[in-house]
C-alpha cells in the first residue's frame, strides 16, 4: 500500500477525528516535516488551530469529500496545494478518520498568476489607448471582448456588449455589410490579411461619427481565422477639417475663375478701344502698330479665358490655346487659307500659366512676322509650329516658315524690330531658356526651356 501511495506523487496524511496525524507518507513529511501524533495544523508554523474552511473539518462535519486550495509557508517559501479530504468510515458507518491528499500546484499557480498579470497588463495597455478596440468572432460577427473606449463610446457595460453582433452596436442596424468593400472583416476573411476602411459609426446618442477601421486576423490552432481585432480610430474632426478645406478651396477656385473672367473681359475692352481708335487713324503704319498691340492683348486675354474654362486653374491645355491663338492671327491678317498652309504639331501638354503667357506672346510675334513679311503676294507658303516635351521638364517650341527669310547680315538680338526684341526678352529673361535662329529654306526659331515646378 505504501508503494501505491508513494507512486501517486502527492502528499498523503490520515488524521483522526481530533485532527491528530495518524499517518504521513514520505512526500508529506518532505513538505511539512514529521508530525505524527501531533495536531495537523501544527505542521504549519503560523497556525495554532484549525483554519476556516478546512476540508478535513468539513469532511468530519458532513461526511462528504471536500476540495480546496491552500497556501503553506514552507522552508523554501510559499507553496500552494490542492487539498482533498475524504472521510474514512468504520464498519458501522461512523467516521473515524479523514484521508487528506495534498497535490502541489505551486508551479500551476505561478503560471496562472503570470497569465493573469500578463492579461491585466494587456488590458491596461488596450484600455489606455484612445481607439475603440474589440475582438469579434468571424462566424457570426459577435463581440467577444471590448476595451473601455469602446464601452464608453456606446454607453454599455462589457456584459451588455459581449455576445452582441458588432453591426448592432456600431452601425445601429440589424444586418451586416453586404460586400467586402463595405465590411473590413469580410475583406480580411477573404484575403487573410490586415485591412483598413473608412466607415460611419453611431455613438451612444446616435450621433454619426467617421472612423478609420483596421481589422487584423487572429488565427486558431487549425490555421483558420477564428476572430479579428477590430480597431476604430475616430476621424470625425479630421473629416470635418477636410471638408472645411475643400469648401475653402472651392470658394477660392470660384474667386480665381471670376478674376480670370474679369481680366479677360477688361483686356477685351482694351482691345475693342484700340480697334475703335483705329477707325480714326489714316496712317497705315500706325494702324499696324495698333493691330499688333491688339493681337498681343488677345494672346494674353486668351490665357485667362482658357484658365476660366479649365478644371485646373494653374495650367492650360497648350495645344488648344495655340490653335485658338493662331486662328485669331490668321483672321486678324485676313489670310487666304489657300495661300498659306498651317502645319501644327503640338503635344497634349498642360503648361503652367507662368510659361504659357511668354510662349503665347512668342508665338504671336513670330507668326505675325511670318504673315507680314515672309510671303510676297504671289508666293504660296507654309508656317510650321511644333511644341514638345523633350525630356523631364524640358520643352521645345519651334516656329518656322518657308518664306523669303531674314537678311543674312541681320542679328535678331540687335534688330530694331520690336517683335524680335520681345521674342528674345521673353525667351531668355522670362522662360530662362535658349533661342536659336536657323535659315534652312526660310526662317525658323527654336526655343528651349525648362519648366520649374
Protein backbone atom coordinates (compact mmCIF):
# COMPACT_ATOMS: atom_id res chain seq x y z
CA UNK A 1 0.00 0.00 0.00
CA UNK A 2 2.85 2.35 0.87
CA UNK A 3 4.34 1.92 -2.61
CA UNK A 4 0.98 2.71 -4.24
CA UNK A 5 0.60 5.87 -2.17
CA UNK A 6 4.16 6.92 -2.98
CA UNK A 7 3.53 6.40 -6.68
CA UNK A 8 0.74 8.97 -6.59
CA UNK A 9 3.30 11.72 -6.14
CA UNK A 10 1.01 13.57 -3.73
CA UNK A 11 1.38 14.38 -0.04
CA UNK A 12 -0.91 11.98 1.88
CA UNK A 13 -1.83 12.06 5.55
CA UNK A 14 -4.51 10.45 7.73
CA UNK A 15 -5.99 12.35 10.68
CA UNK A 16 -8.33 11.19 13.42
CA UNK A 17 -11.46 12.99 14.49
CA UNK A 18 -9.41 15.18 16.82
CA UNK A 19 -7.23 16.31 13.92
CA UNK A 20 -4.19 14.38 15.13
CA UNK A 21 -1.93 12.95 12.48
CA UNK A 22 -2.11 9.15 12.37
CA UNK A 23 -0.09 8.67 9.19
CA UNK A 24 2.14 10.65 6.78
CA UNK A 25 3.72 9.41 3.60
CA UNK A 26 7.27 10.47 2.80
CA UNK A 27 6.20 13.23 0.43
CA UNK A 28 4.04 14.77 3.15
CA UNK A 29 6.98 14.59 5.55
CA UNK A 30 9.28 16.19 2.98
CA UNK A 31 6.94 19.15 2.74
CA UNK A 32 5.99 19.81 6.38
CA UNK A 33 8.18 17.50 8.45
CA UNK A 34 7.27 14.51 10.63
CA UNK A 35 4.26 15.45 12.74
CA UNK A 36 2.80 12.04 13.51
CA UNK A 37 0.80 12.20 16.76
CA UNK A 38 0.53 16.00 16.60
CA UNK A 39 -2.37 18.15 15.57
CA UNK A 40 -2.38 18.55 11.78
CA UNK A 41 -2.42 22.35 11.85
CA UNK A 42 0.84 22.36 13.85
CA UNK A 43 2.59 21.31 10.63
CA UNK A 44 2.36 24.95 9.56
CA UNK A 45 4.40 27.39 11.62
CA UNK A 46 1.84 30.17 11.70
CA UNK A 47 -1.13 28.05 12.74
CA UNK A 48 -2.24 27.04 16.18
CA UNK A 49 -5.79 25.99 15.33
CA UNK A 50 -7.92 24.65 12.54
CA UNK A 51 -8.25 27.30 9.80
CA UNK A 52 -11.58 28.43 8.47
CA UNK A 53 -12.78 26.38 5.53
CA UNK A 54 -10.56 23.44 6.45
CA UNK A 55 -11.56 20.49 4.21
CA UNK A 56 -10.76 17.99 6.99
CA UNK A 57 -13.11 19.78 9.38
CA UNK A 58 -15.86 19.93 6.72
CA UNK A 59 -15.49 16.23 5.90
CA UNK A 60 -15.72 15.35 9.60
CA UNK A 61 -18.79 17.57 9.83
CA UNK A 62 -20.87 16.35 6.91
CA UNK A 63 -19.16 13.13 5.85
CA UNK A 64 -18.55 14.35 2.29
CA UNK A 65 -15.45 14.83 0.16
CA UNK A 66 -14.21 18.41 0.10
CA UNK A 67 -11.53 20.05 -2.03
CA UNK A 68 -9.94 23.44 -1.63
CA UNK A 69 -6.76 25.30 -2.42
CA UNK A 70 -4.41 26.34 0.34
CA UNK A 71 -1.06 28.09 0.66
CA UNK A 72 1.59 26.91 3.10
CA UNK A 73 4.67 28.83 4.35
CA UNK A 74 7.31 26.16 3.89
CA UNK A 75 11.06 26.38 4.34
CA UNK A 76 11.64 27.17 0.67
CA UNK A 77 8.90 29.80 0.51
CA UNK A 78 5.16 29.86 -0.05
CA UNK A 79 3.79 26.73 -1.73
CA UNK A 80 0.28 26.10 -2.97
CA UNK A 81 -1.65 22.86 -2.61
CA UNK A 82 -4.92 21.46 -3.81
CA UNK A 83 -6.23 19.71 -0.67
CA UNK A 84 -8.81 16.92 -0.92
CA UNK A 85 -10.28 15.48 2.29
CA UNK A 86 -12.22 12.18 2.24
CA UNK A 87 -13.93 10.71 5.34
CA UNK A 88 -12.95 7.17 6.42
CA UNK A 89 -15.74 5.08 7.99
CA UNK A 90 -15.69 2.01 10.20
CA UNK A 91 -17.92 -1.00 9.65
CA UNK A 92 -20.82 0.77 11.36
CA UNK A 93 -20.54 3.80 9.07
CA UNK A 94 -19.05 6.01 11.74
CA UNK A 95 -16.36 8.45 10.66
CA UNK A 96 -13.18 7.51 12.43
CA UNK A 97 -10.62 9.42 10.35
CA UNK A 98 -10.06 11.61 7.32
CA UNK A 99 -7.66 10.93 4.48
CA UNK A 100 -6.08 14.18 3.27
CA UNK A 101 -4.33 14.32 -0.10
CA UNK A 102 -2.31 17.43 -0.94
CA UNK A 103 -1.23 18.00 -4.53
CA UNK A 104 1.48 20.57 -5.09
CA UNK A 105 0.11 23.18 -7.52
CA UNK A 106 2.73 25.85 -6.88
CA UNK A 107 4.01 25.90 -10.46
CA UNK A 108 0.50 25.92 -11.85
CA UNK A 109 -0.45 28.81 -9.56
CA UNK A 110 2.64 30.73 -10.62
CA UNK A 111 1.82 30.13 -14.28
CA UNK A 112 -1.76 31.22 -13.68
CA UNK A 113 -0.51 34.27 -11.83
CA UNK A 114 1.81 35.15 -14.71
CA UNK A 115 -1.02 34.68 -17.20
CA UNK A 116 -3.29 36.80 -15.02
CA UNK A 117 -0.70 39.55 -14.71
CA UNK A 118 0.01 39.38 -18.43
CA UNK A 119 -3.71 39.64 -19.17
CA UNK A 120 -4.08 42.53 -16.73
CA UNK A 121 -1.12 44.28 -18.35
CA UNK A 122 -2.55 43.74 -21.84
CA UNK A 123 -5.95 45.01 -20.75
CA UNK A 124 -4.32 48.04 -19.10
CA UNK A 125 -2.44 48.84 -22.31
CA UNK A 126 -5.51 48.32 -24.51
CA UNK A 127 -7.71 50.36 -22.18
CA UNK A 128 -5.16 53.19 -22.19
CA UNK A 129 -5.45 53.53 -25.97
CA UNK A 130 -7.68 56.23 -27.43
CA UNK A 131 -9.18 53.96 -30.09
CA UNK A 132 -12.24 51.74 -29.69
CA UNK A 133 -10.93 48.15 -29.74
CA UNK A 134 -12.99 44.98 -29.86
CA UNK A 135 -12.47 41.30 -30.57
CA UNK A 136 -15.10 39.86 -32.93
CA UNK A 137 -15.97 36.25 -33.78
CA UNK A 138 -15.86 35.87 -37.56
CA UNK A 139 -18.54 33.16 -37.67
CA UNK A 140 -21.44 35.32 -36.57
CA UNK A 141 -19.80 38.74 -36.02
CA UNK A 142 -20.48 38.61 -32.29
CA UNK A 143 -18.34 40.71 -29.95
CA UNK A 144 -16.08 38.63 -27.72
CA UNK A 145 -14.35 41.46 -25.85
CA UNK A 146 -14.07 45.25 -25.89
CA UNK A 147 -11.88 47.92 -24.29
CA UNK A 148 -13.05 50.81 -22.13
CA UNK A 149 -13.09 53.34 -25.01
CA UNK A 150 -15.42 51.07 -26.98
CA UNK A 151 -17.72 50.71 -23.94
CA UNK A 152 -17.69 54.47 -23.28
CA UNK A 153 -18.48 55.27 -26.91
CA UNK A 154 -21.64 53.19 -26.84
CA UNK A 155 -22.57 53.71 -23.19
CA UNK A 156 -22.61 50.00 -22.38
CA UNK A 157 -21.07 47.66 -19.85
CA UNK A 158 -18.90 44.79 -21.00
CA UNK A 159 -21.51 42.20 -20.06
CA UNK A 160 -24.02 44.11 -22.22
CA UNK A 161 -21.67 44.27 -25.22
CA UNK A 162 -20.25 40.75 -25.21
CA UNK A 163 -22.42 38.48 -27.34
CA UNK A 164 -23.97 41.28 -29.38
CA UNK A 165 -23.35 41.46 -33.11
CA UNK A 166 -20.89 44.21 -33.96
CA UNK A 167 -23.13 45.94 -36.53
CA UNK A 168 -25.95 46.15 -33.98
CA UNK A 169 -23.71 48.18 -31.69
CA UNK A 170 -21.60 50.24 -34.12
CA UNK A 171 -23.99 50.75 -37.05
CA UNK A 172 -27.28 50.58 -35.15
CA UNK A 173 -28.77 48.15 -37.67
CA UNK A 174 -29.85 44.52 -37.80
CA UNK A 175 -27.91 43.34 -40.84
CA UNK A 176 -24.22 43.22 -41.66
CA UNK A 177 -22.41 44.93 -44.53
CA UNK A 178 -23.10 43.32 -47.90
CA UNK A 179 -19.74 43.45 -49.69
CA UNK A 180 -16.09 43.19 -48.59
CA UNK A 181 -15.68 46.79 -49.72
CA UNK A 182 -18.13 47.79 -47.01
CA UNK A 183 -17.01 45.27 -44.40
CA UNK A 184 -13.33 45.05 -43.42
CA UNK A 185 -14.00 41.82 -41.51
CA UNK A 186 -15.25 40.12 -44.69
CA UNK A 187 -12.28 41.53 -46.58
CA UNK A 188 -9.85 40.10 -44.02
CA UNK A 189 -11.62 36.73 -44.19
CA UNK A 190 -11.31 36.72 -47.98
CA UNK A 191 -7.65 37.80 -48.11
CA UNK A 192 -6.33 36.55 -44.77
CA UNK A 193 -4.62 39.91 -44.37
CA UNK A 194 -4.95 43.13 -42.41
CA UNK A 195 -7.49 45.53 -43.94
CA UNK A 196 -8.42 49.17 -43.41
CA UNK A 197 -11.50 51.11 -44.45
CA UNK A 198 -13.30 54.33 -43.58
CA UNK A 199 -16.69 53.76 -42.02
CA UNK A 200 -19.56 55.54 -40.33
CA UNK A 201 -20.42 54.51 -36.76
CA UNK A 202 -23.08 55.84 -34.44
CA UNK A 203 -22.27 56.51 -30.78
CA UNK A 204 -24.46 56.14 -27.70
CA UNK A 205 -26.62 59.15 -28.59
CA UNK A 206 -26.93 58.13 -32.25
CA UNK A 207 -24.50 60.82 -33.43
CA UNK A 208 -22.75 59.98 -36.69
CA UNK A 209 -19.00 59.51 -36.26
CA UNK A 210 -16.48 58.91 -39.03
CA UNK A 211 -13.95 56.22 -38.16
CA UNK A 212 -10.98 54.56 -39.77
CA UNK A 213 -11.42 50.85 -39.09
CA UNK A 214 -8.44 48.48 -39.04
CA UNK A 215 -9.01 44.75 -38.84
CA UNK A 216 -6.31 42.15 -38.10
CA UNK A 217 -6.88 38.37 -38.15
CA UNK A 218 -6.49 36.01 -35.17
CA UNK A 219 -5.64 32.51 -36.39
CA UNK A 220 -6.68 29.41 -34.43
CA UNK A 221 -4.83 26.12 -33.96
CA UNK A 222 -6.37 24.77 -37.15
CA UNK A 223 -4.75 27.58 -39.15
CA UNK A 224 -8.09 29.26 -39.86
CA UNK A 225 -9.17 32.75 -38.83
CA UNK A 226 -11.40 32.41 -35.78
CA UNK A 227 -11.73 36.06 -34.78
CA UNK A 228 -10.41 39.52 -35.58
CA UNK A 229 -9.12 42.52 -33.68
CA UNK A 230 -11.27 45.47 -34.71
CA UNK A 231 -9.75 48.93 -34.11
CA UNK A 232 -11.89 52.02 -34.80
CA UNK A 233 -9.99 55.31 -34.88
CA UNK A 234 -12.30 58.34 -34.74
CA UNK A 235 -11.52 60.70 -37.64
CA UNK A 236 -14.63 62.88 -37.37
CA UNK A 237 -12.64 66.01 -36.57
CA UNK A 238 -10.21 65.31 -39.40
CA UNK A 239 -13.08 64.77 -41.85
CA UNK A 240 -14.66 68.00 -40.70
CA UNK A 241 -11.38 69.85 -41.21
CA UNK A 242 -11.00 68.29 -44.66
CA UNK A 243 -14.49 69.43 -45.59
CA UNK A 244 -13.70 72.95 -44.42
CA UNK A 245 -10.53 72.94 -46.51
CA UNK A 246 -12.42 71.63 -49.55
CA UNK A 247 -15.09 74.27 -49.06
CA UNK A 248 -12.44 76.97 -48.73
CA UNK A 249 -10.68 75.71 -51.87
CA UNK A 250 -13.98 75.73 -53.77
CA UNK A 251 -14.55 79.34 -52.71
CA UNK A 252 -11.02 80.33 -53.75
CA UNK A 253 -11.41 78.47 -57.03
CA UNK A 254 -14.63 80.34 -57.73
CA UNK A 255 -12.92 83.62 -56.89
CA UNK A 256 -9.95 82.84 -59.16
CA UNK A 257 -12.25 81.92 -62.01
CA UNK A 258 -14.08 85.20 -61.55
CA UNK A 259 -10.76 87.08 -61.54
CA UNK A 260 -9.64 85.38 -64.77
CA UNK A 261 -13.03 86.12 -66.30
CA UNK A 262 -12.83 89.80 -65.37
CA UNK A 263 -9.21 90.15 -66.54
CA UNK A 264 -10.20 88.59 -69.86
CA UNK A 265 -13.17 90.96 -70.15
CA UNK A 266 -11.02 94.01 -69.31
CA UNK A 267 -8.43 93.01 -71.91
CA UNK A 268 -11.16 92.59 -74.49
CA UNK A 269 -12.40 96.09 -73.65
CA UNK A 270 -8.86 97.44 -74.17
CA UNK A 271 -8.65 95.59 -77.49
CA UNK A 272 -12.02 96.99 -78.52
CA UNK A 273 -10.90 100.52 -77.62
CA UNK A 274 -7.80 100.09 -79.76
CA UNK A 275 -9.93 98.77 -82.59
CA UNK A 276 -12.28 101.74 -82.23
CA UNK A 277 -9.34 104.14 -82.20
CA UNK A 278 -8.05 102.65 -85.45
CA UNK A 279 -11.15 103.91 -87.22
CA UNK A 280 -9.90 107.50 -86.73
CA UNK A 281 -6.34 106.79 -87.90
CA UNK A 282 -5.33 107.20 -91.53
CA UNK A 283 -1.65 106.25 -91.28
CA UNK A 284 -1.24 102.56 -92.23
CA UNK A 285 1.92 102.16 -90.13
CA UNK A 286 0.15 103.41 -87.03
CA UNK A 287 -2.80 101.12 -87.74
CA UNK A 288 -0.38 98.16 -87.98
CA UNK A 289 1.09 99.12 -84.60
CA UNK A 290 -2.38 99.21 -83.08
CA UNK A 291 -3.27 95.87 -84.66
CA UNK A 292 -0.09 94.25 -83.33
CA UNK A 293 -0.85 95.62 -79.88
CA UNK A 294 -4.35 94.24 -80.14
CA UNK A 295 -3.02 90.79 -81.02
CA UNK A 296 -0.64 90.84 -78.07
CA UNK A 297 -3.51 91.73 -75.78
CA UNK A 298 -5.64 88.97 -77.33
CA UNK A 299 -2.86 86.40 -76.77
CA UNK A 300 -2.83 87.25 -73.04
CA UNK A 301 -6.59 87.57 -72.84
CA UNK A 302 -6.93 84.11 -74.35
CA UNK A 303 -4.82 82.66 -71.50
CA UNK A 304 -7.27 83.98 -68.91
CA UNK A 305 -10.21 82.74 -70.95
CA UNK A 306 -8.71 79.22 -71.07
CA UNK A 307 -7.98 79.27 -67.35
CA UNK A 308 -11.51 80.41 -66.61
CA UNK A 309 -12.83 77.43 -68.58
CA UNK A 310 -10.23 74.93 -67.33
CA UNK A 311 -10.62 72.48 -64.45
CA UNK A 312 -7.05 73.31 -63.42
CA UNK A 313 -6.62 76.99 -62.56
CA UNK A 314 -2.81 76.76 -62.64
CA UNK A 315 -2.32 75.13 -66.07
CA UNK A 316 -3.90 75.25 -69.51
CA UNK A 317 -4.14 72.91 -72.48
CA UNK A 318 -1.36 74.43 -74.60
CA UNK A 319 -2.45 72.66 -77.79
CA UNK A 320 -5.93 74.16 -77.62
CA UNK A 321 -4.56 77.57 -76.66
CA UNK A 322 -2.05 77.81 -79.56
CA UNK A 323 -4.67 76.64 -82.06
CA UNK A 324 -7.07 79.39 -80.96
CA UNK A 325 -4.26 81.98 -80.87
CA UNK A 326 -3.00 81.25 -84.39
CA UNK A 327 -6.56 81.08 -85.75
CA UNK A 328 -7.12 84.57 -84.38
CA UNK A 329 -3.93 85.83 -86.08
CA UNK A 330 -4.91 84.33 -89.46
CA UNK A 331 -8.31 86.00 -89.11
CA UNK A 332 -6.77 89.30 -88.00
CA UNK A 333 -4.50 89.45 -91.06
CA UNK A 334 -7.21 88.10 -93.33
CA UNK A 335 -5.02 85.26 -94.57
CA UNK A 336 -6.27 83.26 -97.52
CA UNK A 337 -6.20 79.59 -96.33
CA UNK A 338 -5.29 78.50 -99.86
CA UNK A 339 -2.21 80.72 -99.87
CA UNK A 340 -0.54 79.92 -96.54
CA UNK A 341 -0.72 76.41 -95.12
CA UNK A 342 -0.56 75.99 -91.36
CA UNK A 343 1.23 72.87 -90.12
CA UNK A 344 0.91 72.40 -86.36
CA UNK A 345 2.33 69.61 -84.22
CA UNK A 346 1.52 70.49 -80.60
CA UNK A 347 1.72 67.77 -77.96
CA UNK A 348 -1.10 67.49 -75.45
CA UNK A 349 0.67 69.28 -72.63
CA UNK A 350 -0.76 71.09 -69.63
CA UNK A 351 1.51 74.12 -69.32
CA UNK A 352 1.86 76.30 -66.25
CA UNK A 353 0.47 79.83 -66.69
CA UNK A 354 3.90 81.41 -65.93
CA UNK A 355 5.27 79.67 -69.03
CA UNK A 356 2.14 79.67 -71.18
CA UNK A 357 1.95 83.50 -71.34
CA UNK A 358 5.52 84.11 -72.66
CA UNK A 359 5.18 81.11 -75.04
CA UNK A 360 1.91 82.56 -76.32
CA UNK A 361 3.47 86.01 -76.84
CA UNK A 362 6.50 84.49 -78.62
CA UNK A 363 4.17 82.55 -80.91
CA UNK A 364 2.15 85.71 -81.54
CA UNK A 365 5.23 87.73 -82.56
CA UNK A 366 6.85 85.09 -84.77
CA UNK A 367 3.64 84.06 -86.57
CA UNK A 368 2.81 87.74 -87.05
CA UNK A 369 6.25 88.33 -88.62
CA UNK A 370 5.73 85.37 -90.95
CA UNK A 371 2.29 86.55 -92.01
CA UNK A 372 3.50 90.12 -92.61
CA UNK A 373 6.90 89.63 -94.20
CA UNK A 374 7.67 86.02 -95.21
CA UNK A 375 5.49 85.70 -98.28
CA UNK A 376 5.04 88.00 -101.24
CA UNK A 377 1.65 88.32 -102.84
CA UNK A 378 2.29 85.63 -105.43
CA UNK A 379 4.06 83.05 -103.23
CA UNK A 380 2.38 80.14 -101.56
CA UNK A 381 3.92 79.14 -98.28
CA UNK A 382 3.77 77.18 -95.07
CA UNK A 383 4.11 78.04 -91.38
CA UNK A 384 5.09 75.26 -89.00
CA UNK A 385 4.58 75.32 -85.24
CA UNK A 386 5.76 72.47 -83.01
CA UNK A 387 5.77 72.15 -79.25
CA UNK A 388 7.03 69.09 -77.39
CA UNK A 389 8.50 67.78 -74.18
CA UNK A 390 11.99 66.54 -74.95
CA UNK A 391 12.91 65.23 -71.51
CA UNK A 392 11.81 65.61 -67.92
CA UNK A 393 10.51 69.19 -67.52
CA UNK A 394 12.37 70.26 -70.69
CA UNK A 395 10.31 71.79 -73.52
CA UNK A 396 10.98 72.86 -77.09
CA UNK A 397 9.00 75.40 -79.13
CA UNK A 398 9.76 75.61 -82.86
CA UNK A 399 8.19 78.19 -85.20
CA UNK A 400 9.34 78.41 -88.79
CA UNK A 401 8.23 79.34 -92.30
CA UNK A 402 9.49 78.63 -95.81
CA UNK A 403 9.26 82.25 -96.90
CA UNK A 404 11.90 84.65 -98.17
CA UNK A 405 13.88 84.52 -94.91
CA UNK A 406 15.64 87.18 -92.89
CA UNK A 407 18.61 89.07 -94.34
CA UNK A 408 21.84 87.11 -93.84
CA UNK A 409 23.56 90.00 -92.09
CA UNK A 410 20.68 90.51 -89.60
CA UNK A 411 21.41 89.85 -85.93
CA UNK A 412 17.93 89.20 -84.47
CA UNK A 413 19.15 90.08 -80.97
CA UNK A 414 20.20 93.60 -82.06
CA UNK A 415 17.48 94.39 -84.55
CA UNK A 416 15.27 97.42 -84.05
CA UNK A 417 12.20 95.24 -84.62
CA UNK A 418 10.03 95.37 -81.50
CA UNK A 419 8.64 91.90 -82.24
CA UNK A 420 12.03 90.14 -82.40
CA UNK A 421 13.25 92.15 -79.41
CA UNK A 422 10.22 90.93 -77.41
CA UNK A 423 10.85 87.34 -78.52
CA UNK A 424 14.44 87.47 -77.26
CA UNK A 425 13.47 89.03 -73.92
CA UNK A 426 10.63 86.55 -73.39
CA UNK A 427 12.75 83.50 -74.30
CA UNK A 428 15.83 84.41 -72.30
CA UNK A 429 14.50 86.51 -69.40
CA UNK A 430 11.02 85.14 -68.86
CA UNK A 431 11.47 81.46 -69.78
CA UNK A 432 15.18 81.44 -68.81
CA UNK A 433 15.74 79.39 -71.93
CA UNK A 434 17.80 79.38 -75.11
CA UNK A 435 16.77 80.76 -78.50
CA UNK A 436 18.36 79.84 -81.82
CA UNK A 437 17.75 81.04 -85.36
CA UNK A 438 18.20 78.79 -88.38
CA UNK A 439 17.76 79.75 -92.01
CA UNK A 440 17.05 76.47 -93.80
CA UNK A 441 14.53 77.20 -96.57
CA UNK A 442 13.15 80.25 -94.83
CA UNK A 443 13.26 81.33 -91.21
CA UNK A 444 13.00 79.23 -88.09
CA UNK A 445 13.28 79.86 -84.37
CA UNK A 446 13.86 77.17 -81.77
CA UNK A 447 13.31 77.98 -78.08
CA UNK A 448 14.28 75.50 -75.36
CA UNK A 449 13.35 75.99 -71.72
CA UNK A 450 12.80 74.07 -68.53
CA UNK A 451 9.55 74.27 -66.60
CA UNK A 452 10.43 74.66 -62.94
CA UNK A 453 7.72 73.23 -60.68
